Amino acid sequence: MRRELSALLFTGGLLLLASAALLAAGAPSAAAEGPEKPPVLHWSPGRITGTVHLGETITRTVSLTVSQPVTNPEAVIRPKKFGGKVTVSGLPHNLQPGTTYPVTVTATVPGGLRGRAFNFNIFLRADGEERVVGPPLKFRLKLEHPARPPRPARPGK
């Protein structure tokens, strides 16, 4: 038992010395070989709220900053069904860190929209890539429907 324990300690010591020698020699670590961190962006404000009517067009200007350069940014609207109702303007061809960019969003509330809200997100995609740069700009707009006329009373109730 004592011989097995000393062999195990000897092997562990050799592994420890070998790894220390590799680090001292400047061998790249597995973390350094990983993919580059994606650019992070910041919307100010990050959420737009309000109340809108069916068919109404709203325009809001927000500020955008990035942590890393982004080339050829493209706005992606989700859900896709609102893609034709929302436009984003003011995005330059290159976004540079440390610069604040004013971005204008114009949205038209669809006239036949049902429900209580007109909610959508705006993501940015860089250089035609599939992945989006996050987090999104969130629009949370309550729908104010026109008042309905009161129902006529039914006899017998």
N, C-alpha and C. Protein backbone atom coordinates (compact mmCIF):
# COMPACT_ATOMS: atom_id res chain seq x y z
N MET A 1 0.82 -1.19 0.00
CA MET A 1 0.00 0.00 0.00
C MET A 1 0.87 1.24 0.00
N ARG A 2 1.95 1.21 0.79
CA ARG A 2 2.82 2.37 0.88
C ARG A 2 3.54 2.63 -0.45
N ARG A 3 3.91 1.54 -1.13
CA ARG A 3 4.60 1.66 -2.41
C ARG A 3 3.67 2.29 -3.46
N GLU A 4 2.38 1.91 -3.48
CA GLU A 4 1.41 2.46 -4.44
C GLU A 4 1.19 3.95 -4.18
N LEU A 5 1.12 4.31 -2.91
CA LEU A 5 0.91 5.71 -2.56
C LEU A 5 2.10 6.57 -2.98
N SER A 6 3.31 6.09 -2.77
CA SER A 6 4.48 6.87 -3.16
C SER A 6 4.58 6.97 -4.68
N ALA A 7 4.19 5.92 -5.42
CA ALA A 7 4.20 5.97 -6.88
C ALA A 7 3.18 6.99 -7.38
N LEU A 8 2.03 7.03 -6.74
CA LEU A 8 1.00 7.99 -7.12
C LEU A 8 1.45 9.43 -6.85
N LEU A 9 2.06 9.66 -5.71
CA LEU A 9 2.57 11.00 -5.40
C LEU A 9 3.69 11.40 -6.34
N PHE A 10 4.57 10.46 -6.70
CA PHE A 10 5.66 10.74 -7.63
C PHE A 10 5.12 11.14 -9.00
N THR A 11 4.10 10.40 -9.50
CA THR A 11 3.49 10.70 -10.80
C THR A 11 2.81 12.06 -10.77
N GLY A 12 2.09 12.36 -9.71
CA GLY A 12 1.44 13.66 -9.59
C GLY A 12 2.44 14.79 -9.55
N GLY A 13 3.56 14.58 -8.86
CA GLY A 13 4.61 15.60 -8.82
C GLY A 13 5.21 15.85 -10.19
N LEU A 14 5.43 14.77 -10.96
CA LEU A 14 5.97 14.93 -12.31
C LEU A 14 5.00 15.70 -13.20
N LEU A 15 3.72 15.42 -13.10
CA LEU A 15 2.73 16.15 -13.90
C LEU A 15 2.70 17.63 -13.52
N LEU A 16 2.80 17.91 -12.25
CA LEU A 16 2.81 19.29 -11.79
C LEU A 16 4.03 20.04 -12.32
N LEU A 17 5.19 19.39 -12.27
CA LEU A 17 6.41 20.01 -12.79
C LEU A 17 6.34 20.23 -14.30
N ALA A 18 5.79 19.26 -15.02
CA ALA A 18 5.68 19.38 -16.48
C ALA A 18 4.75 20.53 -16.86
N SER A 19 3.63 20.67 -16.15
CA SER A 19 2.70 21.76 -16.47
C SER A 19 3.31 23.11 -16.12
N ALA A 20 4.06 23.19 -15.03
CA ALA A 20 4.72 24.44 -14.68
C ALA A 20 5.77 24.81 -15.72
N ALA A 21 6.49 23.81 -16.26
CA ALA A 21 7.49 24.08 -17.29
C ALA A 21 6.83 24.60 -18.57
N LEU A 22 5.69 24.04 -18.93
CA LEU A 22 4.98 24.51 -20.12
C LEU A 22 4.51 25.94 -19.95
N LEU A 23 3.98 26.28 -18.78
CA LEU A 23 3.53 27.65 -18.53
C LEU A 23 4.70 28.62 -18.56
N ALA A 24 5.83 28.21 -17.99
CA ALA A 24 7.01 29.08 -17.97
C ALA A 24 7.56 29.28 -19.38
N ALA A 25 7.41 28.29 -20.24
CA ALA A 25 7.91 28.38 -21.61
C ALA A 25 7.01 29.23 -22.49
N GLY A 26 5.83 29.58 -21.97
CA GLY A 26 4.94 30.45 -22.74
C GLY A 26 4.04 29.69 -23.69
N ALA A 27 3.76 28.46 -23.41
CA ALA A 27 2.84 27.69 -24.25
C ALA A 27 1.45 28.29 -24.12
N PRO A 28 0.73 28.46 -25.24
CA PRO A 28 -0.60 29.05 -25.16
C PRO A 28 -1.55 28.11 -24.42
N SER A 29 -2.39 28.70 -23.59
CA SER A 29 -3.38 27.90 -22.86
C SER A 29 -4.59 27.65 -23.74
N ALA A 30 -5.42 26.72 -23.34
CA ALA A 30 -6.62 26.40 -24.12
C ALA A 30 -7.58 27.59 -24.14
N ALA A 31 -7.63 28.38 -23.08
CA ALA A 31 -8.52 29.54 -23.04
C ALA A 31 -8.08 30.61 -24.02
N ALA A 32 -6.76 30.75 -24.23
CA ALA A 32 -6.27 31.77 -25.15
C ALA A 32 -6.55 31.40 -26.60
N GLU A 33 -6.74 30.11 -26.88
CA GLU A 33 -6.99 29.68 -28.25
C GLU A 33 -8.46 29.76 -28.61
N GLY A 34 -9.34 30.04 -27.66
CA GLY A 34 -10.77 30.08 -27.90
C GLY A 34 -11.15 31.22 -28.83
N PRO A 35 -12.41 31.24 -29.29
CA PRO A 35 -12.85 32.30 -30.19
C PRO A 35 -12.85 33.66 -29.49
N GLU A 36 -12.73 34.69 -30.30
CA GLU A 36 -12.74 36.06 -29.78
C GLU A 36 -14.11 36.38 -29.21
N LYS A 37 -14.14 37.16 -28.14
CA LYS A 37 -15.42 37.52 -27.53
C LYS A 37 -16.24 38.34 -28.53
N PRO A 38 -17.54 38.10 -28.59
CA PRO A 38 -18.37 38.87 -29.52
C PRO A 38 -18.49 40.32 -29.04
N PRO A 39 -18.69 41.24 -29.97
CA PRO A 39 -18.88 42.64 -29.57
C PRO A 39 -20.13 42.78 -28.71
N VAL A 40 -20.02 43.63 -27.73
CA VAL A 40 -21.16 43.89 -26.86
C VAL A 40 -21.64 45.31 -27.15
N LEU A 41 -22.95 45.46 -27.24
CA LEU A 41 -23.48 46.79 -27.49
C LEU A 41 -24.38 47.20 -26.35
N HIS A 42 -24.60 48.49 -26.28
CA HIS A 42 -25.44 49.04 -25.23
C HIS A 42 -26.39 50.05 -25.85
N TRP A 43 -27.68 49.82 -25.65
CA TRP A 43 -28.71 50.76 -26.09
C TRP A 43 -29.08 51.64 -24.90
N SER A 44 -29.29 52.92 -25.16
CA SER A 44 -29.74 53.81 -24.10
C SER A 44 -30.89 54.67 -24.63
N PRO A 45 -32.09 54.51 -24.14
CA PRO A 45 -32.53 53.51 -23.18
C PRO A 45 -32.61 52.13 -23.83
N GLY A 46 -32.59 51.09 -23.01
CA GLY A 46 -32.62 49.73 -23.52
C GLY A 46 -34.02 49.21 -23.77
N ARG A 47 -35.02 49.95 -23.28
CA ARG A 47 -36.41 49.55 -23.44
C ARG A 47 -37.24 50.79 -23.71
N ILE A 48 -38.08 50.71 -24.71
CA ILE A 48 -39.01 51.79 -25.05
C ILE A 48 -40.40 51.31 -24.69
N THR A 49 -41.11 52.11 -23.90
CA THR A 49 -42.47 51.75 -23.51
C THR A 49 -43.40 52.91 -23.86
N GLY A 50 -44.66 52.61 -23.88
CA GLY A 50 -45.65 53.65 -24.16
C GLY A 50 -46.99 53.05 -24.54
N THR A 51 -47.89 53.91 -24.96
CA THR A 51 -49.22 53.50 -25.40
C THR A 51 -49.44 54.00 -26.81
N VAL A 52 -49.95 53.14 -27.68
CA VAL A 52 -50.16 53.50 -29.08
C VAL A 52 -51.55 53.05 -29.53
N HIS A 53 -51.98 53.60 -30.67
CA HIS A 53 -53.26 53.24 -31.27
C HIS A 53 -52.98 52.46 -32.55
N LEU A 54 -53.96 51.70 -33.00
CA LEU A 54 -53.84 50.97 -34.26
C LEU A 54 -53.61 51.95 -35.40
N GLY A 55 -52.66 51.64 -36.28
CA GLY A 55 -52.35 52.49 -37.42
C GLY A 55 -51.42 53.66 -37.12
N GLU A 56 -51.10 53.89 -35.86
CA GLU A 56 -50.25 55.02 -35.47
C GLU A 56 -48.79 54.73 -35.83
N THR A 57 -48.06 55.79 -36.21
CA THR A 57 -46.63 55.69 -36.47
C THR A 57 -45.89 56.44 -35.37
N ILE A 58 -44.91 55.77 -34.77
CA ILE A 58 -44.11 56.41 -33.72
C ILE A 58 -42.65 56.42 -34.15
N THR A 59 -41.93 57.42 -33.70
CA THR A 59 -40.50 57.54 -33.98
C THR A 59 -39.77 57.81 -32.68
N ARG A 60 -38.75 57.02 -32.41
CA ARG A 60 -37.94 57.20 -31.20
C ARG A 60 -36.47 57.18 -31.59
N THR A 61 -35.68 58.02 -30.92
CA THR A 61 -34.24 58.05 -31.13
C THR A 61 -33.57 57.52 -29.88
N VAL A 62 -32.65 56.57 -30.07
CA VAL A 62 -31.91 55.96 -28.96
C VAL A 62 -30.42 56.12 -29.24
N SER A 63 -29.61 55.92 -28.22
CA SER A 63 -28.15 55.98 -28.36
C SER A 63 -27.60 54.57 -28.36
N LEU A 64 -26.58 54.35 -29.16
CA LEU A 64 -25.96 53.04 -29.29
C LEU A 64 -24.46 53.17 -29.12
N THR A 65 -23.85 52.33 -28.28
CA THR A 65 -22.39 52.25 -28.13
C THR A 65 -22.00 50.78 -28.20
N VAL A 66 -20.76 50.51 -28.64
CA VAL A 66 -20.25 49.15 -28.74
C VAL A 66 -18.92 49.02 -28.02
N SER A 67 -18.58 47.79 -27.63
CA SER A 67 -17.32 47.54 -26.93
C SER A 67 -16.20 47.15 -27.88
N GLN A 68 -16.54 46.67 -29.07
CA GLN A 68 -15.57 46.29 -30.09
C GLN A 68 -16.08 46.78 -31.44
N PRO A 69 -15.20 46.96 -32.41
CA PRO A 69 -15.66 47.42 -33.72
C PRO A 69 -16.65 46.44 -34.36
N VAL A 70 -17.67 46.99 -35.01
CA VAL A 70 -18.65 46.20 -35.75
C VAL A 70 -18.73 46.79 -37.15
N THR A 71 -18.48 45.96 -38.17
CA THR A 71 -18.54 46.45 -39.54
C THR A 71 -19.85 46.03 -40.20
N ASN A 72 -20.38 46.93 -41.00
CA ASN A 72 -21.63 46.72 -41.74
C ASN A 72 -22.75 46.18 -40.86
N PRO A 73 -23.13 46.90 -39.81
CA PRO A 73 -24.21 46.40 -38.95
C PRO A 73 -25.55 46.41 -39.69
N GLU A 74 -26.33 45.40 -39.42
CA GLU A 74 -27.65 45.27 -40.03
C GLU A 74 -28.67 45.08 -38.91
N ALA A 75 -29.77 45.81 -38.96
CA ALA A 75 -30.83 45.68 -37.96
C ALA A 75 -31.69 44.47 -38.29
N VAL A 76 -31.98 43.68 -37.27
CA VAL A 76 -32.83 42.49 -37.40
C VAL A 76 -34.02 42.68 -36.47
N ILE A 77 -35.23 42.62 -37.03
CA ILE A 77 -36.46 42.82 -36.26
C ILE A 77 -37.06 41.46 -35.92
N ARG A 78 -37.39 41.28 -34.67
CA ARG A 78 -38.05 40.05 -34.23
C ARG A 78 -39.27 40.42 -33.40
N PRO A 79 -40.42 39.82 -33.59
CA PRO A 79 -40.71 38.77 -34.54
C PRO A 79 -40.68 39.27 -35.98
N LYS A 80 -40.42 38.34 -36.88
CA LYS A 80 -40.24 38.68 -38.29
C LYS A 80 -41.48 39.34 -38.90
N LYS A 81 -42.66 39.01 -38.38
CA LYS A 81 -43.89 39.56 -38.98
C LYS A 81 -43.95 41.08 -38.90
N PHE A 82 -43.16 41.70 -38.03
CA PHE A 82 -43.15 43.16 -37.93
C PHE A 82 -42.00 43.78 -38.72
N GLY A 83 -41.24 42.98 -39.45
CA GLY A 83 -40.09 43.48 -40.21
C GLY A 83 -40.44 44.60 -41.18
N GLY A 84 -41.58 44.53 -41.83
CA GLY A 84 -41.98 45.55 -42.78
C GLY A 84 -42.59 46.78 -42.12
N LYS A 85 -42.90 46.69 -40.85
CA LYS A 85 -43.54 47.80 -40.12
C LYS A 85 -42.54 48.62 -39.31
N VAL A 86 -41.29 48.15 -39.20
CA VAL A 86 -40.29 48.81 -38.37
C VAL A 86 -39.07 49.12 -39.24
N THR A 87 -38.60 50.39 -39.19
CA THR A 87 -37.38 50.76 -39.90
C THR A 87 -36.39 51.36 -38.91
N VAL A 88 -35.11 51.07 -39.14
CA VAL A 88 -34.03 51.58 -38.30
C VAL A 88 -33.12 52.40 -39.21
N SER A 89 -32.86 53.66 -38.83
CA SER A 89 -31.98 54.51 -39.62
C SER A 89 -30.92 55.13 -38.73
N GLY A 90 -29.83 55.52 -39.34
CA GLY A 90 -28.75 56.17 -38.60
C GLY A 90 -27.60 55.24 -38.27
N LEU A 91 -27.66 53.98 -38.72
CA LEU A 91 -26.54 53.06 -38.47
C LEU A 91 -25.43 53.34 -39.48
N PRO A 92 -24.23 53.71 -39.03
CA PRO A 92 -23.13 53.92 -39.97
C PRO A 92 -22.58 52.57 -40.45
N HIS A 93 -21.66 52.60 -41.42
CA HIS A 93 -21.09 51.36 -41.96
C HIS A 93 -20.13 50.70 -40.98
N ASN A 94 -19.54 51.47 -40.09
CA ASN A 94 -18.63 50.93 -39.09
C ASN A 94 -18.94 51.54 -37.74
N LEU A 95 -19.11 50.69 -36.73
CA LEU A 95 -19.32 51.15 -35.37
C LEU A 95 -18.01 50.99 -34.62
N GLN A 96 -17.55 52.05 -33.98
CA GLN A 96 -16.27 52.04 -33.26
C GLN A 96 -16.52 52.18 -31.76
N PRO A 97 -15.71 51.50 -30.94
CA PRO A 97 -15.86 51.62 -29.49
C PRO A 97 -15.59 53.06 -29.03
N GLY A 98 -16.28 53.46 -27.99
CA GLY A 98 -16.08 54.79 -27.43
C GLY A 98 -16.88 55.89 -28.10
N THR A 99 -17.61 55.56 -29.14
CA THR A 99 -18.42 56.55 -29.85
C THR A 99 -19.89 56.23 -29.62
N THR A 100 -20.69 57.25 -29.38
CA THR A 100 -22.13 57.07 -29.21
C THR A 100 -22.82 57.46 -30.51
N TYR A 101 -23.65 56.56 -31.01
CA TYR A 101 -24.34 56.78 -32.28
C TYR A 101 -25.84 56.97 -32.03
N PRO A 102 -26.43 58.06 -32.56
CA PRO A 102 -27.90 58.19 -32.46
C PRO A 102 -28.55 57.33 -33.54
N VAL A 103 -29.50 56.51 -33.14
CA VAL A 103 -30.21 55.62 -34.05
C VAL A 103 -31.70 55.93 -33.94
N THR A 104 -32.35 56.08 -35.08
CA THR A 104 -33.78 56.41 -35.11
C THR A 104 -34.58 55.18 -35.52
N VAL A 105 -35.60 54.87 -34.75
CA VAL A 105 -36.47 53.72 -35.03
C VAL A 105 -37.87 54.27 -35.29
N THR A 106 -38.43 53.89 -36.43
CA THR A 106 -39.79 54.29 -36.80
C THR A 106 -40.62 53.03 -36.92
N ALA A 107 -41.74 52.98 -36.22
CA ALA A 107 -42.61 51.81 -36.24
C ALA A 107 -44.04 52.24 -36.50
N THR A 108 -44.72 51.50 -37.38
CA THR A 108 -46.13 51.72 -37.66
C THR A 108 -46.90 50.54 -37.11
N VAL A 109 -47.84 50.83 -36.23
CA VAL A 109 -48.64 49.78 -35.61
C VAL A 109 -49.60 49.24 -36.67
N PRO A 110 -49.57 47.94 -36.95
CA PRO A 110 -50.48 47.38 -37.96
C PRO A 110 -51.94 47.63 -37.59
N GLY A 111 -52.74 48.00 -38.58
CA GLY A 111 -54.15 48.32 -38.33
C GLY A 111 -54.96 47.12 -37.87
N GLY A 112 -54.62 45.93 -38.30
CA GLY A 112 -55.40 44.74 -37.94
C GLY A 112 -54.81 43.97 -36.78
N LEU A 113 -53.93 44.59 -36.03
CA LEU A 113 -53.27 43.90 -34.92
C LEU A 113 -54.26 43.60 -33.81
N ARG A 114 -54.25 42.36 -33.36
CA ARG A 114 -55.13 41.98 -32.26
C ARG A 114 -54.30 41.84 -31.00
N GLY A 115 -54.95 41.94 -29.90
CA GLY A 115 -54.24 41.79 -28.63
C GLY A 115 -54.13 43.11 -27.91
N ARG A 116 -53.29 43.10 -26.90
CA ARG A 116 -53.15 44.28 -26.04
C ARG A 116 -51.83 44.99 -26.21
N ALA A 117 -50.88 44.41 -27.00
CA ALA A 117 -49.55 45.01 -27.06
C ALA A 117 -48.94 44.87 -28.45
N PHE A 118 -48.04 45.78 -28.74
CA PHE A 118 -47.22 45.77 -29.96
C PHE A 118 -45.78 45.67 -29.46
N ASN A 119 -45.27 44.44 -29.34
CA ASN A 119 -43.94 44.20 -28.79
C ASN A 119 -43.01 43.67 -29.86
N PHE A 120 -41.79 44.20 -29.92
CA PHE A 120 -40.78 43.68 -30.83
C PHE A 120 -39.40 44.02 -30.29
N ASN A 121 -38.40 43.33 -30.82
CA ASN A 121 -37.00 43.53 -30.44
C ASN A 121 -36.19 43.87 -31.68
N ILE A 122 -35.16 44.69 -31.49
CA ILE A 122 -34.23 45.02 -32.57
C ILE A 122 -32.85 44.51 -32.17
N PHE A 123 -32.33 43.59 -32.97
CA PHE A 123 -30.98 43.05 -32.78
C PHE A 123 -30.08 43.63 -33.86
N LEU A 124 -28.78 43.58 -33.66
CA LEU A 124 -27.83 43.94 -34.71
C LEU A 124 -27.07 42.71 -35.14
N ARG A 125 -26.85 42.60 -36.43
CA ARG A 125 -26.05 41.53 -37.02
C ARG A 125 -24.86 42.20 -37.70
N ALA A 126 -23.68 41.64 -37.52
CA ALA A 126 -22.47 42.24 -38.07
C ALA A 126 -21.99 41.49 -39.31
N ASP A 127 -21.60 42.22 -40.34
CA ASP A 127 -20.95 41.66 -41.53
C ASP A 127 -21.70 40.50 -42.17
N GLY A 128 -23.00 40.52 -42.14
CA GLY A 128 -23.78 39.45 -42.75
C GLY A 128 -23.66 38.12 -42.02
N GLU A 129 -23.20 38.13 -40.79
CA GLU A 129 -23.09 36.89 -40.02
C GLU A 129 -24.47 36.41 -39.61
N GLU A 130 -24.55 35.13 -39.28
CA GLU A 130 -25.82 34.58 -38.82
C GLU A 130 -26.14 35.01 -37.40
N ARG A 131 -25.11 35.04 -36.54
CA ARG A 131 -25.37 35.39 -35.14
C ARG A 131 -25.61 36.88 -35.00
N VAL A 132 -26.36 37.21 -33.99
CA VAL A 132 -26.65 38.61 -33.73
C VAL A 132 -25.79 39.09 -32.57
N VAL A 133 -25.55 40.39 -32.56
CA VAL A 133 -24.81 41.02 -31.48
C VAL A 133 -25.86 41.47 -30.47
N GLY A 134 -25.69 41.14 -29.23
CA GLY A 134 -26.74 41.41 -28.26
C GLY A 134 -26.30 42.39 -27.22
N PRO A 135 -27.15 42.79 -26.38
CA PRO A 135 -28.57 42.48 -26.22
C PRO A 135 -29.44 43.33 -27.15
N PRO A 136 -30.72 42.98 -27.26
CA PRO A 136 -31.60 43.73 -28.18
C PRO A 136 -32.13 45.02 -27.56
N LEU A 137 -32.62 45.88 -28.43
CA LEU A 137 -33.40 47.04 -28.02
C LEU A 137 -34.85 46.55 -27.98
N LYS A 138 -35.51 46.74 -26.84
CA LYS A 138 -36.85 46.20 -26.64
C LYS A 138 -37.90 47.30 -26.73
N PHE A 139 -38.93 47.04 -27.52
CA PHE A 139 -40.09 47.92 -27.61
C PHE A 139 -41.27 47.19 -26.97
N ARG A 140 -41.89 47.81 -25.97
CA ARG A 140 -43.04 47.25 -25.28
C ARG A 140 -44.13 48.32 -25.28
N LEU A 141 -45.01 48.25 -26.28
CA LEU A 141 -46.02 49.28 -26.47
C LEU A 141 -47.41 48.70 -26.23
N LYS A 142 -48.17 49.32 -25.34
CA LYS A 142 -49.53 48.88 -25.07
C LYS A 142 -50.45 49.43 -26.15
N LEU A 143 -51.38 48.61 -26.59
CA LEU A 143 -52.36 49.04 -27.58
C LEU A 143 -53.58 49.61 -26.88
N GLU A 144 -53.98 50.78 -27.34
CA GLU A 144 -55.21 51.38 -26.83
C GLU A 144 -56.24 51.28 -27.94
N HIS A 145 -57.19 50.39 -27.75
CA HIS A 145 -58.23 50.18 -28.75
C HIS A 145 -59.32 51.23 -28.60
N PRO A 146 -59.97 51.59 -29.70
CA PRO A 146 -61.07 52.54 -29.60
C PRO A 146 -62.18 51.98 -28.70
N ALA A 147 -62.85 52.87 -28.02
CA ALA A 147 -63.93 52.44 -27.11
C ALA A 147 -65.05 51.80 -27.92
N ARG A 148 -65.55 50.71 -27.41
CA ARG A 148 -66.66 50.03 -28.08
C ARG A 148 -67.97 50.59 -27.54
N PRO A 149 -68.95 50.70 -28.41
CA PRO A 149 -70.26 51.17 -27.92
C PRO A 149 -70.84 50.14 -26.96
N PRO A 150 -71.60 50.59 -25.97
CA PRO A 150 -72.18 49.63 -25.02
C PRO A 150 -73.17 48.70 -25.73
N ARG A 151 -73.22 47.48 -25.27
CA ARG A 151 -74.17 46.53 -25.85
C ARG A 151 -75.59 46.89 -25.41
N PRO A 152 -76.54 46.74 -26.34
CA PRO A 152 -77.92 47.01 -25.92
C PRO A 152 -78.38 45.95 -24.93
N ALA A 153 -79.16 46.37 -23.99
CA ALA A 153 -79.66 45.44 -22.98
C ALA A 153 -80.60 44.45 -23.62
N ARG A 154 -80.51 43.22 -23.19
CA ARG A 154 -81.41 42.20 -23.70
C ARG A 154 -82.60 42.08 -22.76
N PRO A 155 -83.79 42.06 -23.34
CA PRO A 155 -84.97 41.93 -22.49
C PRO A 155 -84.97 40.60 -21.75
N GLY A 156 -85.45 40.63 -20.56
CA GLY A 156 -85.57 39.41 -19.79
C GLY A 156 -84.36 39.11 -18.92
N LYS A 157 -83.39 39.95 -18.95
CA LYS A 157 -82.21 39.71 -18.11
C LYS A 157 -82.02 40.80 -17.11
